[in-house]
Amino acid sequence: MEALQQKRELDREMQDKILFMAFIITKFARAYKMSKPNAYLYLKKYGGLDFLNECWWALHIDNPYWAVRSMYEICYQNGGLK
């Protein structure tokens, strides 16, 4: 029974993570005037998605502006120019 509860919690956490990532990629795309697919590819190429994947829990409790800005900074440090 306890294992089932833990699985549900992990499934819920994964769902929350996916929803947040989709939300913030959309916000990033709007902020930098990109299409969503282009924003995804840009973030993937320059490390923004890795950062988002690793730090989503901390980023999701803050204002989305700061999450987008942090992702921009990570990408810029990794060679992104947009």
PDB file of N, CA and C in Angstrom:
ATOM      1  N   MET A   1       0.813  -1.201   0.000  1.00  0.00           N
ATOM      2  CA  MET A   1       0.000   0.000   0.000  1.00  0.00           C
ATOM      3  C   MET A   1       0.861   1.271   0.000  1.00  0.00           C
ATOM      4  N   GLU A   2       1.920   1.229   0.784  1.00  0.00           N
ATOM      5  CA  GLU A   2       2.800   2.393   0.856  1.00  0.00           C
ATOM      6  C   GLU A   2       3.515   2.625  -0.477  1.00  0.00           C
ATOM      7  N   ALA A   3       3.891   1.551  -1.155  1.00  0.00           N
ATOM      8  CA  ALA A   3       4.553   1.668  -2.450  1.00  0.00           C
ATOM      9  C   ALA A   3       3.633   2.318  -3.474  1.00  0.00           C
ATOM     10  N   LEU A   4       2.351   1.986  -3.423  1.00  0.00           N
ATOM     11  CA  LEU A   4       1.374   2.583  -4.331  1.00  0.00           C
ATOM     12  C   LEU A   4       1.240   4.079  -4.081  1.00  0.00           C
ATOM     13  N   GLN A   5       1.234   4.476  -2.826  1.00  0.00           N
ATOM     14  CA  GLN A   5       1.152   5.898  -2.464  1.00  0.00           C
ATOM     15  C   GLN A   5       2.381   6.651  -2.966  1.00  0.00           C
ATOM     16  N   GLN A   6       3.560   6.043  -2.826  1.00  0.00           N
ATOM     17  CA  GLN A   6       4.783   6.678  -3.295  1.00  0.00           C
ATOM     18  C   GLN A   6       4.759   6.836  -4.810  1.00  0.00           C
ATOM     19  N   LYS A   7       4.254   5.837  -5.510  1.00  0.00           N
ATOM     20  CA  LYS A   7       4.145   5.913  -6.971  1.00  0.00           C
ATOM     21  C   LYS A   7       3.217   7.044  -7.375  1.00  0.00           C
ATOM     22  N   ARG A   8       2.102   7.177  -6.695  1.00  0.00           N
ATOM     23  CA  ARG A   8       1.163   8.266  -6.995  1.00  0.00           C
ATOM     24  C   ARG A   8       1.812   9.625  -6.782  1.00  0.00           C
ATOM     25  N   GLU A   9       2.584   9.744  -5.699  1.00  0.00           N
ATOM     26  CA  GLU A   9       3.260  11.011  -5.425  1.00  0.00           C
ATOM     27  C   GLU A   9       4.292  11.316  -6.507  1.00  0.00           C
ATOM     28  N   LEU A  10       5.046  10.305  -6.947  1.00  0.00           N
ATOM     29  CA  LEU A  10       6.020  10.504  -8.011  1.00  0.00           C
ATOM     30  C   LEU A  10       5.332  10.861  -9.319  1.00  0.00           C
ATOM     31  N   ASP A  11       4.233  10.184  -9.619  1.00  0.00           N
ATOM     32  CA  ASP A  11       3.487  10.497 -10.835  1.00  0.00           C
ATOM     33  C   ASP A  11       2.975  11.934 -10.790  1.00  0.00           C
ATOM     34  N   ARG A  12       2.480  12.360  -9.646  1.00  0.00           N
ATOM     35  CA  ARG A  12       1.971  13.722  -9.493  1.00  0.00           C
ATOM     36  C   ARG A  12       3.102  14.737  -9.638  1.00  0.00           C
ATOM     37  N   GLU A  13       4.255  14.435  -9.052  1.00  0.00           N
ATOM     38  CA  GLU A  13       5.402  15.337  -9.163  1.00  0.00           C
ATOM     39  C   GLU A  13       5.863  15.449 -10.618  1.00  0.00           C
ATOM     40  N   MET A  14       5.888  14.331 -11.327  1.00  0.00           N
ATOM     41  CA  MET A  14       6.289  14.339 -12.733  1.00  0.00           C
ATOM     42  C   MET A  14       5.294  15.158 -13.556  1.00  0.00           C
ATOM     43  N   GLN A  15       4.029  15.006 -13.261  1.00  0.00           N
ATOM     44  CA  GLN A  15       2.991  15.779 -13.956  1.00  0.00           C
ATOM     45  C   GLN A  15       3.181  17.272 -13.710  1.00  0.00           C
ATOM     46  N   ASP A  16       3.420  17.632 -12.463  1.00  0.00           N
ATOM     47  CA  ASP A  16       3.644  19.043 -12.118  1.00  0.00           C
ATOM     48  C   ASP A  16       4.865  19.599 -12.854  1.00  0.00           C
ATOM     49  N   LYS A  17       5.922  18.797 -12.921  1.00  0.00           N
ATOM     50  CA  LYS A  17       7.153  19.216 -13.586  1.00  0.00           C
ATOM     51  C   LYS A  17       6.911  19.452 -15.078  1.00  0.00           C
ATOM     52  N   ILE A  18       6.221  18.530 -15.713  1.00  0.00           N
ATOM     53  CA  ILE A  18       5.942  18.659 -17.146  1.00  0.00           C
ATOM     54  C   ILE A  18       5.079  19.884 -17.423  1.00  0.00           C
ATOM     55  N   LEU A  19       4.056  20.085 -16.606  1.00  0.00           N
ATOM     56  CA  LEU A  19       3.179  21.247 -16.790  1.00  0.00           C
ATOM     57  C   LEU A  19       3.948  22.559 -16.613  1.00  0.00           C
ATOM     58  N   PHE A  20       4.808  22.604 -15.606  1.00  0.00           N
ATOM     59  CA  PHE A  20       5.586  23.819 -15.381  1.00  0.00           C
ATOM     60  C   PHE A  20       6.543  24.071 -16.539  1.00  0.00           C
ATOM     61  N   MET A  21       7.207  23.021 -16.998  1.00  0.00           N
ATOM     62  CA  MET A  21       8.153  23.194 -18.097  1.00  0.00           C
ATOM     63  C   MET A  21       7.450  23.692 -19.357  1.00  0.00           C
ATOM     64  N   ALA A  22       6.295  23.146 -19.657  1.00  0.00           N
ATOM     65  CA  ALA A  22       5.539  23.607 -20.827  1.00  0.00           C
ATOM     66  C   ALA A  22       5.127  25.069 -20.652  1.00  0.00           C
ATOM     67  N   PHE A  23       4.693  25.414 -19.446  1.00  0.00           N
ATOM     68  CA  PHE A  23       4.273  26.779 -19.135  1.00  0.00           C
ATOM     69  C   PHE A  23       5.433  27.764 -19.313  1.00  0.00           C
ATOM     70  N   ILE A  24       6.586  27.416 -18.767  1.00  0.00           N
ATOM     71  CA  ILE A  24       7.697  28.369 -18.769  1.00  0.00           C
ATOM     72  C   ILE A  24       8.351  28.463 -20.146  1.00  0.00           C
ATOM     73  N   ILE A  25       8.333  27.388 -20.926  1.00  0.00           N
ATOM     74  CA  ILE A  25       8.844  27.465 -22.301  1.00  0.00           C
ATOM     75  C   ILE A  25       7.969  28.412 -23.115  1.00  0.00           C
ATOM     76  N   THR A  26       6.668  28.357 -22.905  1.00  0.00           N
ATOM     77  CA  THR A  26       5.746  29.280 -23.570  1.00  0.00           C
ATOM     78  C   THR A  26       6.036  30.718 -23.156  1.00  0.00           C
ATOM     79  N   LYS A  27       6.262  30.941 -21.867  1.00  0.00           N
ATOM     80  CA  LYS A  27       6.592  32.290 -21.380  1.00  0.00           C
ATOM     81  C   LYS A  27       7.910  32.778 -21.992  1.00  0.00           C
ATOM     82  N   PHE A  28       8.880  31.892 -22.087  1.00  0.00           N
ATOM     83  CA  PHE A  28      10.172  32.244 -22.692  1.00  0.00           C
ATOM     84  C   PHE A  28       9.974  32.621 -24.152  1.00  0.00           C
ATOM     85  N   ALA A  29       9.191  31.842 -24.860  1.00  0.00           N
ATOM     86  CA  ALA A  29       8.934  32.112 -26.281  1.00  0.00           C
ATOM     87  C   ALA A  29       8.298  33.488 -26.465  1.00  0.00           C
ATOM     88  N   ARG A  30       7.330  33.804 -25.637  1.00  0.00           N
ATOM     89  CA  ARG A  30       6.674  35.118 -25.731  1.00  0.00           C
ATOM     90  C   ARG A  30       7.634  36.249 -25.396  1.00  0.00           C
ATOM     91  N   ALA A  31       8.415  36.061 -24.341  1.00  0.00           N
ATOM     92  CA  ALA A  31       9.326  37.118 -23.887  1.00  0.00           C
ATOM     93  C   ALA A  31      10.370  37.456 -24.938  1.00  0.00           C
ATOM     94  N   TYR A  32      10.826  36.458 -25.676  1.00  0.00           N
ATOM     95  CA  TYR A  32      11.877  36.685 -26.655  1.00  0.00           C
ATOM     96  C   TYR A  32      11.387  36.558 -28.092  1.00  0.00           C
ATOM     97  N   LYS A  33      10.072  36.660 -28.240  1.00  0.00           N
ATOM     98  CA  LYS A  33       9.432  36.712 -29.565  1.00  0.00           C
ATOM     99  C   LYS A  33       9.877  35.566 -30.475  1.00  0.00           C
ATOM    100  N   MET A  34       9.713  34.358 -29.957  1.00  0.00           N
ATOM    101  CA  MET A  34      10.048  33.142 -30.695  1.00  0.00           C
ATOM    102  C   MET A  34       8.799  32.277 -30.779  1.00  0.00           C
ATOM    103  N   SER A  35       8.796  31.380 -31.730  1.00  0.00           N
ATOM    104  CA  SER A  35       7.751  30.360 -31.728  1.00  0.00           C
ATOM    105  C   SER A  35       8.086  29.379 -30.598  1.00  0.00           C
ATOM    106  N   LYS A  36       7.099  28.640 -30.135  1.00  0.00           N
ATOM    107  CA  LYS A  36       7.359  27.662 -29.080  1.00  0.00           C
ATOM    108  C   LYS A  36       8.370  26.595 -29.516  1.00  0.00           C
ATOM    109  N   PRO A  37       8.245  26.061 -30.748  1.00  0.00           N
ATOM    110  CA  PRO A  37       9.259  25.073 -31.160  1.00  0.00           C
ATOM    111  C   PRO A  37      10.675  25.660 -31.215  1.00  0.00           C
ATOM    112  N   ASN A  38      10.795  26.904 -31.686  1.00  0.00           N
ATOM    113  CA  ASN A  38      12.114  27.545 -31.735  1.00  0.00           C
ATOM    114  C   ASN A  38      12.655  27.819 -30.341  1.00  0.00           C
ATOM    115  N   ALA A  39      11.784  28.209 -29.429  1.00  0.00           N
ATOM    116  CA  ALA A  39      12.209  28.440 -28.052  1.00  0.00           C
ATOM    117  C   ALA A  39      12.702  27.136 -27.426  1.00  0.00           C
ATOM    118  N   TYR A  40      11.978  26.060 -27.673  1.00  0.00           N
ATOM    119  CA  TYR A  40      12.392  24.746 -27.159  1.00  0.00           C
ATOM    120  C   TYR A  40      13.770  24.372 -27.702  1.00  0.00           C
ATOM    121  N   LEU A  41      13.960  24.517 -28.990  1.00  0.00           N
ATOM    122  CA  LEU A  41      15.242  24.157 -29.604  1.00  0.00           C
ATOM    123  C   LEU A  41      16.385  25.035 -29.094  1.00  0.00           C
ATOM    124  N   TYR A  42      16.105  26.321 -28.941  1.00  0.00           N
ATOM    125  CA  TYR A  42      17.104  27.254 -28.412  1.00  0.00           C
ATOM    126  C   TYR A  42      17.495  26.858 -26.990  1.00  0.00           C
ATOM    127  N   LEU A  43      16.486  26.600 -26.154  1.00  0.00           N
ATOM    128  CA  LEU A  43      16.754  26.220 -24.767  1.00  0.00           C
ATOM    129  C   LEU A  43      17.505  24.896 -24.690  1.00  0.00           C
ATOM    130  N   LYS A  44      17.164  23.989 -25.561  1.00  0.00           N
ATOM    131  CA  LYS A  44      17.848  22.698 -25.586  1.00  0.00           C
ATOM    132  C   LYS A  44      19.310  22.869 -26.006  1.00  0.00           C
ATOM    133  N   LYS A  45      19.538  23.663 -27.033  1.00  0.00           N
ATOM    134  CA  LYS A  45      20.883  23.855 -27.571  1.00  0.00           C
ATOM    135  C   LYS A  45      21.823  24.536 -26.575  1.00  0.00           C
ATOM    136  N   TYR A  46      21.317  25.499 -25.833  1.00  0.00           N
ATOM    137  CA  TYR A  46      22.162  26.316 -24.972  1.00  0.00           C
ATOM    138  C   TYR A  46      22.031  26.025 -23.477  1.00  0.00           C
ATOM    139  N   GLY A  47      21.463  24.872 -23.124  1.00  0.00           N
ATOM    140  CA  GLY A  47      21.458  24.442 -21.728  1.00  0.00           C
ATOM    141  C   GLY A  47      20.309  24.930 -20.875  1.00  0.00           C
ATOM    142  N   GLY A  48      19.403  25.691 -21.449  1.00  0.00           N
ATOM    143  CA  GLY A  48      18.269  26.183 -20.674  1.00  0.00           C
ATOM    144  C   GLY A  48      17.341  25.073 -20.205  1.00  0.00           C
ATOM    145  N   LEU A  49      17.147  24.071 -21.035  1.00  0.00           N
ATOM    146  CA  LEU A  49      16.283  22.955 -20.645  1.00  0.00           C
ATOM    147  C   LEU A  49      16.916  22.117 -19.545  1.00  0.00           C
ATOM    148  N   ASP A  50      18.218  21.914 -19.612  1.00  0.00           N
ATOM    149  CA  ASP A  50      18.896  21.180 -18.543  1.00  0.00           C
ATOM    150  C   ASP A  50      18.741  21.922 -17.219  1.00  0.00           C
ATOM    151  N   PHE A  51      18.949  23.220 -17.265  1.00  0.00           N
ATOM    152  CA  PHE A  51      18.781  24.054 -16.071  1.00  0.00           C
ATOM    153  C   PHE A  51      17.351  23.960 -15.551  1.00  0.00           C
ATOM    154  N   LEU A  52      16.397  24.069 -16.437  1.00  0.00           N
ATOM    155  CA  LEU A  52      14.988  23.993 -16.060  1.00  0.00           C
ATOM    156  C   LEU A  52      14.664  22.634 -15.460  1.00  0.00           C
ATOM    157  N   ASN A  53      15.165  21.586 -16.059  1.00  0.00           N
ATOM    158  CA  ASN A  53      14.927  20.238 -15.567  1.00  0.00           C
ATOM    159  C   ASN A  53      15.507  20.038 -14.168  1.00  0.00           C
ATOM    160  N   GLU A  54      16.685  20.568 -13.932  1.00  0.00           N
ATOM    161  CA  GLU A  54      17.345  20.412 -12.639  1.00  0.00           C
ATOM    162  C   GLU A  54      16.765  21.320 -11.555  1.00  0.00           C
ATOM    163  N   CYS A  55      16.345  22.510 -11.922  1.00  0.00           N
ATOM    164  CA  CYS A  55      15.957  23.522 -10.926  1.00  0.00           C
ATOM    165  C   CYS A  55      14.470  23.857 -10.934  1.00  0.00           C
ATOM    166  N   TRP A  56      13.651  23.069 -11.593  1.00  0.00           N
ATOM    167  CA  TRP A  56      12.250  23.426 -11.769  1.00  0.00           C
ATOM    168  C   TRP A  56      11.549  23.647 -10.440  1.00  0.00           C
ATOM    169  N   TRP A  57      11.891  22.866  -9.443  1.00  0.00           N
ATOM    170  CA  TRP A  57      11.180  22.970  -8.171  1.00  0.00           C
ATOM    171  C   TRP A  57      11.387  24.358  -7.550  1.00  0.00           C
ATOM    172  N   ALA A  58      12.594  24.855  -7.582  1.00  0.00           N
ATOM    173  CA  ALA A  58      12.867  26.187  -7.043  1.00  0.00           C
ATOM    174  C   ALA A  58      12.283  27.266  -7.950  1.00  0.00           C
ATOM    175  N   LEU A  59      12.363  27.082  -9.256  1.00  0.00           N
ATOM    176  CA  LEU A  59      11.869  28.086 -10.201  1.00  0.00           C
ATOM    177  C   LEU A  59      10.358  28.224 -10.169  1.00  0.00           C
ATOM    178  N   HIS A  60       9.656  27.142  -9.906  1.00  0.00           N
ATOM    179  CA  HIS A  60       8.193  27.197 -10.010  1.00  0.00           C
ATOM    180  C   HIS A  60       7.539  27.981  -8.875  1.00  0.00           C
ATOM    181  N   ILE A  61       8.271  28.217  -7.792  1.00  0.00           N
ATOM    182  CA  ILE A  61       7.673  28.963  -6.686  1.00  0.00           C
ATOM    183  C   ILE A  61       7.921  30.467  -6.793  1.00  0.00           C
ATOM    184  N   ASP A  62       8.719  30.856  -7.772  1.00  0.00           N
ATOM    185  CA  ASP A  62       9.044  32.266  -7.961  1.00  0.00           C
ATOM    186  C   ASP A  62       8.199  32.846  -9.099  1.00  0.00           C
ATOM    187  N   ASN A  63       8.307  34.112  -9.290  1.00  0.00           N
ATOM    188  CA  ASN A  63       7.641  34.789 -10.385  1.00  0.00           C
ATOM    189  C   ASN A  63       8.170  34.225 -11.700  1.00  0.00           C
ATOM    190  N   PRO A  64       7.296  33.913 -12.668  1.00  0.00           N
ATOM    191  CA  PRO A  64       7.761  33.368 -13.950  1.00  0.00           C
ATOM    192  C   PRO A  64       8.793  34.263 -14.643  1.00  0.00           C
ATOM    193  N   TYR A  65       8.717  35.565 -14.425  1.00  0.00           N
ATOM    194  CA  TYR A  65       9.693  36.481 -15.018  1.00  0.00           C
ATOM    195  C   TYR A  65      11.116  36.060 -14.655  1.00  0.00           C
ATOM    196  N   TRP A  66      11.332  35.735 -13.392  1.00  0.00           N
ATOM    197  CA  TRP A  66      12.677  35.390 -12.938  1.00  0.00           C
ATOM    198  C   TRP A  66      13.124  34.034 -13.467  1.00  0.00           C
ATOM    199  N   ALA A  67      12.200  33.115 -13.639  1.00  0.00           N
ATOM    200  CA  ALA A  67      12.547  31.819 -14.240  1.00  0.00           C
ATOM    201  C   ALA A  67      12.995  32.026 -15.679  1.00  0.00           C
ATOM    202  N   VAL A  68      12.254  32.832 -16.421  1.00  0.00           N
ATOM    203  CA  VAL A  68      12.596  33.114 -17.820  1.00  0.00           C
ATOM    204  C   VAL A  68      13.937  33.844 -17.879  1.00  0.00           C
ATOM    205  N   ARG A  69      14.124  34.785 -17.021  1.00  0.00           N
ATOM    206  CA  ARG A  69      15.376  35.550 -16.998  1.00  0.00           C
ATOM    207  C   ARG A  69      16.566  34.655 -16.655  1.00  0.00           C
ATOM    208  N   SER A  70      16.372  33.769 -15.699  1.00  0.00           N
ATOM    209  CA  SER A  70      17.439  32.834 -15.315  1.00  0.00           C
ATOM    210  C   SER A  70      17.796  31.911 -16.473  1.00  0.00           C
ATOM    211  N   MET A  71      16.782  31.445 -17.196  1.00  0.00           N
ATOM    212  CA  MET A  71      17.029  30.584 -18.341  1.00  0.00           C
ATOM    213  C   MET A  71      17.778  31.355 -19.425  1.00  0.00           C
ATOM    214  N   TYR A  72      17.412  32.615 -19.632  1.00  0.00           N
ATOM    215  CA  TYR A  72      18.119  33.449 -20.596  1.00  0.00           C
ATOM    216  C   TYR A  72      19.593  33.567 -20.221  1.00  0.00           C
ATOM    217  N   GLU A  73      19.871  33.818 -18.951  1.00  0.00           N
ATOM    218  CA  GLU A  73      21.251  33.973 -18.487  1.00  0.00           C
ATOM    219  C   GLU A  73      22.056  32.693 -18.705  1.00  0.00           C
ATOM    220  N   ILE A  74      21.451  31.548 -18.413  1.00  0.00           N
ATOM    221  CA  ILE A  74      22.128  30.269 -18.626  1.00  0.00           C
ATOM    222  C   ILE A  74      22.447  30.094 -20.107  1.00  0.00           C
ATOM    223  N   CYS A  75      21.472  30.348 -20.952  1.00  0.00           N
ATOM    224  CA  CYS A  75      21.686  30.206 -22.399  1.00  0.00           C
ATOM    225  C   CYS A  75      22.760  31.169 -22.892  1.00  0.00           C
ATOM    226  N   TYR A  76      22.714  32.405 -22.414  1.00  0.00           N
ATOM    227  CA  TYR A  76      23.700  33.397 -22.824  1.00  0.00           C
ATOM    228  C   TYR A  76      25.123  32.954 -22.425  1.00  0.00           C
ATOM    229  N   GLN A  77      25.256  32.421 -21.220  1.00  0.00           N
ATOM    230  CA  GLN A  77      26.565  31.948 -20.752  1.00  0.00           C
ATOM    231  C   GLN A  77      27.066  30.763 -21.585  1.00  0.00           C
ATOM    232  N   ASN A  78      26.146  30.048 -22.200  1.00  0.00           N
ATOM    233  CA  ASN A  78      26.509  28.888 -23.015  1.00  0.00           C
ATOM    234  C   ASN A  78      26.545  29.195 -24.502  1.00  0.00           C
ATOM    235  N   GLY A  79      26.582  30.470 -24.860  1.00  0.00           N
ATOM    236  CA  GLY A  79      26.743  30.857 -26.257  1.00  0.00           C
ATOM    237  C   GLY A  79      25.497  31.323 -26.967  1.00  0.00           C
ATOM    238  N   GLY A  80      24.379  31.340 -26.287  1.00  0.00           N
ATOM    239  CA  GLY A  80      23.140  31.830 -26.899  1.00  0.00           C
ATOM    240  C   GLY A  80      23.190  33.339 -27.066  1.00  0.00           C
ATOM    241  N   LEU A  81      22.655  33.814 -28.170  1.00  0.00           N
ATOM    242  CA  LEU A  81      22.754  35.246 -28.453  1.00  0.00           C
ATOM    243  C   LEU A  81      21.420  35.971 -28.464  1.00  0.00           C
ATOM    244  N   LYS A  82      20.329  35.284 -28.427  1.00  0.00           N
ATOM    245  CA  LYS A  82      19.029  35.946 -28.497  1.00  0.00           C
ATOM    246  C   LYS A  82      18.705  36.669 -27.245  1.00  0.00           C
TER     247      LYS A  82
END
